[in-house]
Protein backbone atom coordinates (compact mmCIF):
# COMPACT_ATOMS: atom_id res chain seq x y z
CA MET A 1 100.26 90.89 88.49
CA PRO A 2 97.15 93.04 88.01
CA GLY A 3 94.25 91.92 90.11
CA GLY A 4 91.04 90.25 89.01
CA LEU A 5 87.57 91.69 89.48
CA GLY A 6 87.37 90.66 93.11
CA GLU A 7 90.95 91.45 94.02
CA GLN A 8 92.79 94.58 95.00
CA ARG A 9 93.64 96.71 91.98
CA HIS A 10 97.02 98.36 91.54
CA ILE A 11 97.08 101.86 90.09
CA VAL A 12 100.33 103.67 89.31
CA VAL A 13 100.49 107.46 89.24
CA VAL A 14 103.43 108.79 87.25
CA GLY A 15 104.39 112.19 88.63
CA GLY A 16 104.48 113.43 92.21
CA GLY A 17 103.45 117.04 91.70
CA ILE A 18 100.25 118.31 93.26
CA ALA A 19 98.15 116.79 90.44
CA GLY A 20 99.68 113.35 90.84
CA LEU A 21 99.45 113.42 94.64
CA ALA A 22 95.83 114.59 94.52
CA ALA A 23 95.03 111.82 92.03
CA ALA A 24 96.55 109.28 94.44
CA LEU A 25 94.41 110.64 97.28
CA PHE A 26 91.20 110.55 95.23
CA LEU A 27 91.94 107.01 94.06
CA ARG A 28 92.38 105.77 97.62
CA GLU A 29 89.43 107.71 99.00
CA ARG A 30 87.05 106.39 96.37
CA GLY A 31 88.51 102.99 95.64
CA GLY A 32 88.94 102.15 99.31
CA GLN A 33 90.65 98.90 100.19
CA ARG A 34 90.09 97.60 96.66
CA VAL A 35 92.80 99.95 95.40
CA ARG A 36 96.54 100.04 95.98
CA VAL A 37 98.30 103.17 94.70
CA THR A 38 101.95 103.69 93.81
CA VAL A 39 103.34 107.14 92.97
CA LEU A 40 106.55 107.38 90.94
CA GLU A 41 108.33 110.75 90.92
CA ALA A 42 111.46 111.36 88.86
CA GLY A 43 112.74 114.20 91.05
CA PRO A 44 114.29 114.01 94.50
CA ARG A 45 111.10 115.18 96.25
CA VAL A 46 107.37 115.35 95.72
CA GLY A 47 105.47 118.57 95.21
CA GLY A 48 106.51 119.66 91.75
CA LYS A 49 106.24 123.45 91.55
CA LEU A 50 105.18 123.68 95.20
CA GLY A 51 108.01 123.70 97.70
CA LEU A 52 109.70 125.42 100.62
CA ILE A 53 113.06 127.16 101.02
CA GLU A 54 115.01 128.63 103.91
CA VAL A 55 115.82 132.31 103.46
CA GLY A 56 116.90 134.75 106.14
CA GLY A 57 116.08 132.27 108.89
CA MET A 58 112.54 131.81 107.61
CA THR A 59 110.77 128.98 105.80
CA LEU A 60 109.08 130.44 102.74
CA ASP A 61 107.42 129.23 99.57
CA SER A 62 109.76 128.52 96.68
CA GLY A 63 106.90 128.24 94.19
CA ALA A 64 103.26 129.26 94.26
CA GLU A 65 102.32 130.99 97.51
CA ALA A 66 98.60 131.50 96.85
CA LEU A 67 95.60 129.32 96.03
CA LEU A 68 92.58 130.49 94.09
CA ALA A 69 89.86 130.56 96.75
CA ARG A 70 86.93 131.21 94.40
CA ARG A 71 87.32 127.70 93.05
CA PRO A 72 86.65 125.04 95.69
CA GLU A 73 89.22 122.37 94.76
CA ALA A 74 92.40 123.67 96.41
CA VAL A 75 90.82 124.93 99.61
CA ASP A 76 88.80 121.71 99.93
CA LEU A 77 91.95 119.63 99.53
CA VAL A 78 93.73 121.66 102.20
CA ARG A 79 90.92 120.88 104.60
CA ARG A 80 90.75 117.20 103.65
CA VAL A 81 94.41 116.65 104.54
CA GLY A 82 94.17 118.35 107.93
CA LEU A 83 95.59 121.80 107.17
CA GLY A 84 92.32 123.72 107.26
CA ALA A 85 93.18 125.51 110.50
CA ASP A 86 96.17 127.08 108.74
CA LEU A 87 94.22 128.57 105.83
CA VAL A 88 94.76 132.32 105.64
CA HIS A 89 93.83 135.15 103.28
CA PRO A 90 95.96 138.04 102.09
CA THR A 91 95.95 141.18 104.19
CA THR A 92 95.75 143.10 100.90
CA ILE A 93 95.34 142.29 97.21
CA ALA A 94 95.81 145.85 96.02
CA ALA A 95 98.32 145.58 93.18
CA GLY A 96 100.10 148.01 90.93
CA VAL A 97 101.79 148.27 87.55
CA TRP A 98 105.32 149.65 87.24
CA THR A 99 105.11 151.60 84.03
CA ARG A 100 105.52 155.09 82.64
CA GLY A 101 107.98 156.06 85.35
CA ARG A 102 106.45 154.76 88.56
CA VAL A 103 104.32 152.11 90.22
CA ARG A 104 100.68 152.94 89.51
CA PRO A 105 97.56 151.23 90.89
CA LEU A 106 95.77 148.65 88.79
CA PRO A 107 92.49 150.27 87.74
CA ARG A 108 89.58 149.00 89.80
CA GLY A 109 86.87 147.10 87.98
CA HIS A 110 89.15 145.63 85.36
CA VAL A 111 88.54 142.24 83.75
CA PHE A 112 91.93 140.61 83.39
CA GLY A 113 93.37 144.03 82.65
CA ILE A 114 90.57 145.32 80.43
CA PRO A 115 89.25 148.55 81.97
CA THR A 116 85.49 148.60 82.52
CA ASP A 117 85.66 151.92 84.39
CA LEU A 118 87.47 154.49 82.26
CA VAL A 119 87.42 157.07 85.05
CA ALA A 120 89.29 154.65 87.31
CA ALA A 121 91.64 153.82 84.45
CA ALA A 122 92.38 157.53 83.95
CA ARG A 123 93.07 158.03 87.65
CA SER A 124 95.50 155.10 87.77
CA GLY A 125 97.73 156.69 85.14
CA VAL A 126 98.67 153.33 83.63
CA LEU A 127 97.37 154.39 80.22
CA SER A 128 98.39 157.52 78.39
CA GLY A 129 95.85 160.03 77.08
CA PRO A 130 95.86 158.51 73.59
CA GLY A 131 95.65 155.02 75.12
CA LEU A 132 92.59 156.01 77.14
CA ALA A 133 90.98 157.61 74.10
CA ARG A 134 91.49 154.43 72.09
CA ALA A 135 90.07 152.28 74.89
CA ALA A 136 87.00 154.54 75.03
CA LEU A 137 86.33 153.88 71.34
CA GLU A 138 85.41 150.31 72.24
CA ARG A 139 82.04 151.60 73.37
CA VAL A 140 81.09 152.54 69.81
CA LEU A 141 82.46 149.45 68.08
CA PRO A 142 79.76 146.99 66.99
CA LEU A 143 79.43 143.88 69.10
CA ARG A 144 79.35 140.52 67.35
CA ALA A 145 79.48 136.97 68.56
CA ARG A 146 82.83 135.27 67.94
CA ALA A 147 82.71 131.48 67.91
CA GLU A 148 86.30 130.74 66.94
CA ASP A 149 89.25 130.87 69.35
CA ILE A 150 91.68 133.77 69.00
CA SER A 151 94.71 135.01 70.90
CA VAL A 152 94.11 137.23 73.92
CA GLY A 153 96.24 139.98 72.43
CA ARG A 154 94.56 139.99 69.05
CA PHE A 155 91.08 140.16 70.53
CA VAL A 156 91.83 142.89 73.08
CA ARG A 157 93.91 144.97 70.66
CA ALA A 158 91.11 145.02 68.09
CA ARG A 159 88.57 146.33 70.58
CA TRP A 160 90.48 148.31 73.25
CA GLY A 161 93.75 149.14 71.52
CA ALA A 162 97.42 148.22 71.75
CA GLU A 163 98.11 150.13 74.97
CA VAL A 164 95.54 148.16 76.96
CA VAL A 165 97.24 144.98 75.75
CA ASP A 166 100.79 146.15 76.40
CA ARG A 167 100.36 147.85 79.78
CA LEU A 168 97.49 145.96 81.41
CA VAL A 169 96.55 142.64 79.83
CA ASP A 170 100.03 141.43 78.88
CA PRO A 171 101.50 141.99 82.37
CA LEU A 172 98.65 140.03 83.93
CA VAL A 173 99.09 137.20 81.44
CA GLY A 174 102.83 137.26 82.05
CA GLY A 175 102.29 137.11 85.79
CA VAL A 176 100.12 134.00 85.53
CA TYR A 177 101.47 132.09 82.52
CA ALA A 178 104.93 133.64 81.97
CA GLY A 179 103.62 134.10 78.43
CA ARG A 180 102.61 136.87 76.08
CA ALA A 181 99.06 137.90 75.29
CA ASP A 182 99.60 137.49 71.55
CA GLY A 183 100.58 133.85 71.97
CA LEU A 184 97.87 132.62 74.32
CA SER A 185 94.37 131.31 73.65
CA LEU A 186 91.50 133.53 74.74
CA ALA A 187 89.24 130.53 75.40
CA ALA A 188 91.81 128.63 77.47
CA THR A 189 93.36 131.45 79.50
CA VAL A 190 90.57 133.99 80.07
CA PRO A 191 87.27 132.03 80.02
CA PRO A 192 85.06 134.94 81.22
CA LEU A 193 86.33 137.14 78.40
CA ALA A 194 85.94 134.31 75.90
CA ALA A 195 82.35 133.79 77.06
CA ALA A 196 81.62 137.49 76.51
CA ALA A 197 83.14 137.25 73.03
CA ARG A 198 81.03 134.20 72.15
CA GLU A 199 77.88 135.92 73.36
CA GLY A 200 78.65 139.23 71.65
CA ARG A 201 78.63 141.28 74.85
CA ARG A 202 81.06 143.32 76.90
CA PRO A 203 82.89 141.64 79.81
CA LEU A 204 81.55 142.31 83.28
CA PRO A 205 83.66 142.72 86.44
CA ALA A 206 83.60 139.75 88.78
CA THR A 207 81.17 140.09 91.67
CA ALA A 208 82.62 140.06 95.18
CA ASP A 209 81.67 136.68 96.63
CA GLY A 210 84.39 136.08 99.16
CA PRO A 211 88.19 136.21 99.15
CA VAL A 212 89.86 135.69 95.80
CA PHE A 213 92.99 134.01 97.18
CA ALA A 214 94.00 131.87 100.12
CA GLY A 215 97.34 130.76 101.47
CA LEU A 216 98.73 128.48 104.14
CA ARG A 217 100.38 129.66 107.31
CA GLY A 218 103.92 128.35 106.93
CA GLY A 219 103.64 128.19 103.14
CA VAL A 220 101.59 126.49 100.43
CA GLY A 221 104.66 124.29 99.99
CA ARG A 222 103.45 122.33 103.04
CA LEU A 223 100.53 120.94 101.05
CA PRO A 224 102.24 118.21 98.93
CA ALA A 225 103.65 116.28 101.88
CA ALA A 226 100.30 116.40 103.64
CA VAL A 227 98.51 115.09 100.55
CA ALA A 228 101.09 112.34 100.07
CA THR A 229 100.64 111.20 103.67
CA ALA A 230 96.85 111.34 103.52
CA SER A 231 96.77 109.33 100.30
CA GLY A 232 98.39 106.31 101.91
CA ALA A 233 100.11 105.71 98.58
CA ASP A 234 103.47 104.02 98.19
CA VAL A 235 105.54 107.02 97.06
CA HIS A 236 108.93 106.65 95.37
CA THR A 237 111.18 109.55 94.37
CA GLY A 238 114.13 109.45 91.99
CA VAL A 239 112.27 107.03 89.70
CA THR A 240 111.88 107.97 86.04
CA VAL A 241 109.38 105.95 84.02
CA ARG A 242 110.87 105.38 80.57
CA GLN A 243 108.28 103.16 78.94
CA LEU A 244 104.58 102.42 79.12
CA ALA A 245 103.16 99.33 77.42
CA ARG A 246 99.82 97.58 77.27
CA ARG A 247 99.27 94.14 78.70
CA PRO A 248 96.28 91.91 78.03
CA ASP A 249 95.01 92.62 81.55
CA GLY A 250 96.46 96.06 82.23
CA TRP A 251 99.66 98.03 81.87
CA ARG A 252 103.40 97.64 82.29
CA LEU A 253 105.73 100.46 83.29
CA VAL A 254 109.51 100.31 82.92
CA ALA A 255 111.69 102.52 85.09
CA GLY A 256 115.32 101.55 84.57
CA PRO A 257 115.78 98.00 85.80
CA VAL A 258 112.41 98.06 87.57
CA THR A 259 109.21 96.82 85.93
CA LEU A 260 105.78 97.38 87.43
CA ASP A 261 102.49 95.88 86.34
CA ALA A 262 99.32 97.85 86.98
CA ASP A 263 95.61 97.71 86.35
CA GLY A 264 95.43 101.46 85.83
CA VAL A 265 97.80 104.34 85.18
CA VAL A 266 97.50 108.09 85.71
CA LEU A 267 100.05 110.20 83.87
CA ALA A 268 100.55 113.40 85.87
CA VAL A 269 103.71 114.73 84.23
CA PRO A 270 104.20 117.59 81.73
CA ALA A 271 103.12 117.29 78.11
CA GLY A 272 106.55 116.30 76.74
CA PRO A 273 107.15 113.31 79.04
CA THR A 274 103.51 112.28 78.68
CA ALA A 275 103.86 112.34 74.88
CA ARG A 276 106.97 110.13 75.06
CA LEU A 277 105.18 107.58 77.23
CA LEU A 278 102.14 107.56 74.94
CA THR A 279 104.03 107.29 71.65
CA GLU A 280 103.49 103.54 71.32
CA VAL A 281 100.24 103.08 73.22
CA VAL A 282 98.19 106.17 72.22
CA PRO A 283 100.07 107.79 69.33
CA ALA A 284 97.26 110.22 68.49
CA ALA A 285 97.41 111.72 71.98
CA ALA A 286 101.20 111.80 71.87
CA ALA A 287 101.14 113.75 68.61
CA GLU A 288 98.84 116.37 70.16
CA LEU A 289 100.83 116.75 73.38
CA ALA A 290 104.36 116.88 71.98
CA PRO A 291 104.10 120.38 70.43
CA ILE A 292 102.83 122.13 73.59
CA PRO A 293 105.55 124.67 74.51
CA TYR A 294 106.58 125.48 78.06
CA ALA A 295 107.98 128.64 79.62
CA SER A 296 110.79 128.65 82.17
CA MET A 297 110.98 131.13 85.01
CA ALA A 298 112.79 131.94 88.22
CA ILE A 299 111.75 133.43 91.54
CA VAL A 300 114.22 135.70 93.30
CA THR A 301 113.36 135.82 97.01
CA LEU A 302 114.87 138.76 98.87
CA VAL A 303 114.94 139.54 102.59
CA LEU A 304 115.65 143.25 102.96
CA PRO A 305 116.27 145.30 106.11
CA ALA A 306 113.46 147.55 107.28
CA SER A 307 115.86 150.47 106.92
CA SER A 308 115.97 149.94 103.15
CA THR A 309 112.76 151.95 102.78
CA PRO A 310 111.26 154.91 104.67
CA GLY A 311 107.94 153.07 104.96
CA SER A 312 106.44 149.63 104.44
CA PRO A 313 105.75 148.70 100.81
CA ARG A 314 102.18 149.43 99.81
CA GLY A 315 99.87 146.79 98.43
CA SER A 316 100.56 143.18 97.61
CA GLY A 317 103.02 143.92 94.80
CA PHE A 318 103.19 145.10 91.23
CA LEU A 319 103.36 143.86 87.64
CA VAL A 320 105.84 144.97 85.00
CA PRO A 321 104.89 145.28 81.30
CA ALA A 322 107.26 143.52 78.92
CA VAL A 323 107.29 146.61 76.69
CA ASP A 324 109.17 148.48 79.43
CA GLY A 325 112.16 146.18 78.98
CA ARG A 326 112.73 145.23 82.63
CA LEU A 327 114.22 142.03 84.00
CA ILE A 328 111.50 141.44 86.56
CA LYS A 329 107.96 140.75 85.38
CA ALA A 330 106.26 140.91 88.79
CA VAL A 331 107.02 141.54 92.46
CA THR A 332 105.14 140.33 95.51
CA TRP A 333 105.64 142.03 98.88
CA SER A 334 105.17 138.79 100.81
CA SER A 335 105.75 140.36 104.24
CA THR A 336 102.91 142.80 103.53
CA LYS A 337 100.60 140.41 101.71
CA TRP A 338 100.73 137.61 104.29
CA ALA A 339 100.50 138.34 108.02
CA TRP A 340 102.38 135.15 108.93
CA THR A 341 105.30 136.09 106.69
CA GLY A 342 105.40 139.61 108.11
CA ALA A 343 105.46 138.21 111.65
CA ALA A 344 108.28 135.79 110.77
CA ALA A 345 110.23 138.59 109.12
CA GLY A 346 110.20 140.64 112.32
CA GLY A 347 110.18 143.97 110.55
CA ALA A 348 112.29 142.96 107.58
CA ILE A 349 110.85 143.15 104.06
CA VAL A 350 110.31 139.93 102.12
CA ALA A 351 110.00 140.40 98.36
CA ARG A 352 109.57 137.82 95.61
CA ALA A 353 110.53 138.92 92.12
CA SER A 354 109.51 136.77 89.14
CA VAL A 355 111.83 136.58 86.16
CA GLY A 356 111.33 134.96 82.77
CA ARG A 357 108.81 135.19 79.98
CA PHE A 358 108.16 132.74 77.18
CA GLY A 359 110.57 133.45 74.35
CA ASP A 360 113.01 135.44 76.53
CA PRO A 361 115.66 132.87 77.55
CA PRO A 362 118.61 135.33 77.97
CA ASP A 363 117.30 136.54 81.33
CA LEU A 364 117.44 133.04 82.78
CA ALA A 365 120.96 132.52 81.43
CA LEU A 366 122.17 134.95 84.11
CA THR A 367 123.80 133.49 87.22
CA ASP A 368 121.97 133.54 90.56
CA PRO A 369 124.10 136.44 91.91
CA GLU A 370 123.41 138.40 88.71
CA LEU A 371 119.66 137.84 89.02
CA VAL A 372 119.77 139.00 92.65
CA ARG A 373 121.82 142.09 91.80
CA LEU A 374 119.59 143.12 88.91
CA ALA A 375 116.38 142.44 90.85
CA CYS A 376 117.65 144.64 93.69
CA ARG A 377 118.57 147.37 91.24
CA GLU A 378 115.10 147.36 89.68
CA LEU A 379 113.41 147.31 93.09
CA ALA A 380 115.46 150.35 94.01
CA GLU A 381 114.24 152.12 90.90
CA ALA A 382 110.61 151.04 91.24
CA ALA A 383 110.08 151.31 94.99
CA GLY A 384 113.01 153.30 96.33
CA LEU A 385 114.56 150.34 98.14
CA ARG A 386 118.21 150.76 98.96
CA GLY A 387 120.99 148.79 100.61
CA GLU A 388 122.00 145.15 100.35
CA PRO A 389 119.65 142.25 101.12
CA ILE A 390 120.04 140.36 104.39
CA ASP A 391 119.64 137.12 102.46
CA SER A 392 118.43 135.94 99.09
CA ALA A 393 117.58 132.80 97.15
CA VAL A 394 116.93 132.02 93.51
CA THR A 395 114.59 129.19 92.61
CA ARG A 396 114.56 128.18 88.96
CA TRP A 397 111.62 126.41 87.38
CA GLY A 398 112.73 125.04 84.02
CA GLY A 399 109.89 124.25 81.63
CA ALA A 400 107.40 125.05 84.36
CA LEU A 401 104.42 126.65 82.66
CA PRO A 402 102.61 125.26 79.60
CA GLN A 403 101.62 127.84 77.02
CA TYR A 404 97.98 127.52 76.03
CA GLN A 405 98.16 128.51 72.38
CA VAL A 406 95.13 129.25 70.19
CA GLY A 407 93.07 126.08 69.84
CA HIS A 408 94.31 124.61 73.13
CA LEU A 409 90.89 123.49 74.34
CA ASP A 410 90.26 121.58 71.12
CA ARG A 411 93.70 120.00 71.45
CA VAL A 412 92.91 118.85 74.98
CA ALA A 413 89.59 117.40 73.84
CA ARG A 414 91.39 115.39 71.15
CA VAL A 415 93.93 114.14 73.69
CA ARG A 416 91.24 112.98 76.08
CA ALA A 417 89.25 111.35 73.30
CA ALA A 418 92.31 109.39 72.22
CA VAL A 419 93.23 108.38 75.78
CA ALA A 420 89.65 107.26 76.42
CA GLY A 421 90.30 104.49 73.90
CA ALA A 422 92.86 103.02 76.30
CA PRO A 423 90.80 101.83 79.30
CA GLY A 424 92.48 102.27 82.66
CA LEU A 425 94.63 105.16 81.46
CA ALA A 426 94.13 108.87 82.24
CA VAL A 427 96.08 112.12 82.15
CA CYS A 428 96.09 115.16 84.41
CA GLY A 429 98.13 118.21 85.34
CA ALA A 430 98.82 121.75 84.25
CA ALA A 431 98.89 120.95 80.52
CA TYR A 432 95.14 120.56 80.26
CA ASP A 433 92.59 122.75 82.02
CA GLY A 434 94.58 125.41 83.88
CA ILE A 435 97.96 125.91 85.48
CA GLY A 436 96.80 126.93 88.95
CA VAL A 437 96.76 124.56 91.91
CA ALA A 438 92.95 124.37 91.94
CA ALA A 439 92.79 123.54 88.24
CA CYS A 440 95.45 120.84 88.59
CA ILE A 441 93.52 119.28 91.46
CA ALA A 442 90.33 119.32 89.38
CA SER A 443 92.11 117.52 86.55
CA ALA A 444 93.39 114.94 89.05
CA ASP A 445 89.85 114.39 90.29
CA ARG A 446 88.69 113.74 86.73
CA ALA A 447 91.58 111.38 86.00
CA ALA A 448 90.97 109.34 89.15
CA ALA A 449 87.28 109.01 88.31
CA GLU A 450 88.07 107.85 84.76
CA VAL A 451 90.49 105.15 85.89
CA LEU A 452 88.21 103.84 88.63
CA ALA A 453 85.27 103.73 86.24
CA ALA A 454 87.34 101.75 83.74
CA LEU A 455 88.22 99.28 86.52
CA ARG A 456 84.52 98.89 87.32
CA LEU A 457 84.96 100.66 90.63
CA GLY A 458 82.77 103.56 89.53
CA ALA A 459 79.99 102.54 91.91
CA GLU A 460 82.27 103.51 94.78
CA LEU A 461 82.80 107.04 93.52
CA GLY A 462 81.24 109.67 95.71
């Protein structure tokens, strides 16, 4: 039974991805001994889109391999759970774009693909002469403040032209969201550009204030287990919550034959499952969450012999514009980007090719061997790699990445307003404020604070 005001409170976190695990940790850290936390994960393991695989005798990331270091949440969490000594930074972040016949450098000084230095853009060769000329016209277009949300593609196309969208902005959006620039909200996906649009000014390049990315020696996939252990939560895998109902003094969760009573609940699962659980208890939030679409993707990890190329791959990797009609949308040279991976590879080349964009399901209908074969063929064409891989692995992430459509931020505000009417309930995860690890952790922090405040434990928040 849920506890009284002076008793230990039971909080259930539904979802064992990084958001759910972080929420469990924050609940225990701030609630102290007055809080007991249970985590219920439907899958066979915790971690969600963070995990590890064995390829070519090495343990490598199967999902995200980098953390955004310019936001504090992810790096702080790594340190809090005892992995701070293993934080590392890329040896290089120089990236390219495979387009117009070869891999070309991303122009320096760009803002999410928008060139701010046209000389650098011309030198990169990503844009054609007419594309550069159209981008240069932006300087004479009148600036006006834009209050309403708009798609990234529509905004950039109107000011810098279609080629900037197709060959620079869209590949970057595809690399992050597995989406297309014309289908994604400017305000939700590129906040600095949206701020410039609201203020009627041109976007400014980010200032250099430390490393952009961080990783973990041994893989970012190590983080979920460390967070789960540090949380002290009672973690159960293979448990799917089918129903959430209100009780006079809390909540009841039904997972098959098992029923749990709780004082508070954090829903840290994707929008679709969250909507199903909220249908009866917060129907307004459910109606907002249900339509959020998700993109599926796959990562093809390849271990290639050093002899497959006359020299080490340059830079951290390259992006591939959708307009070029390739299978792969991005490639990371992990053995070049991360010193620990290069050392483990012992001279071999480790490449990660991303496959799958929103609205392009046929690519993911291919078998694993077909994905490996086609990825190798395109790497041969892009980078001159030849020969067969030493080993390979395909990791599929079905429905992994929410698509932040125009108006997403308003949708999220409506969801949170509706959920706020159900004390002791909160939501978090990639569907709300960002799909990166840092953003998911921030949403978990917020959810934990909301539940504890509703349980009158807010005075213990710190």
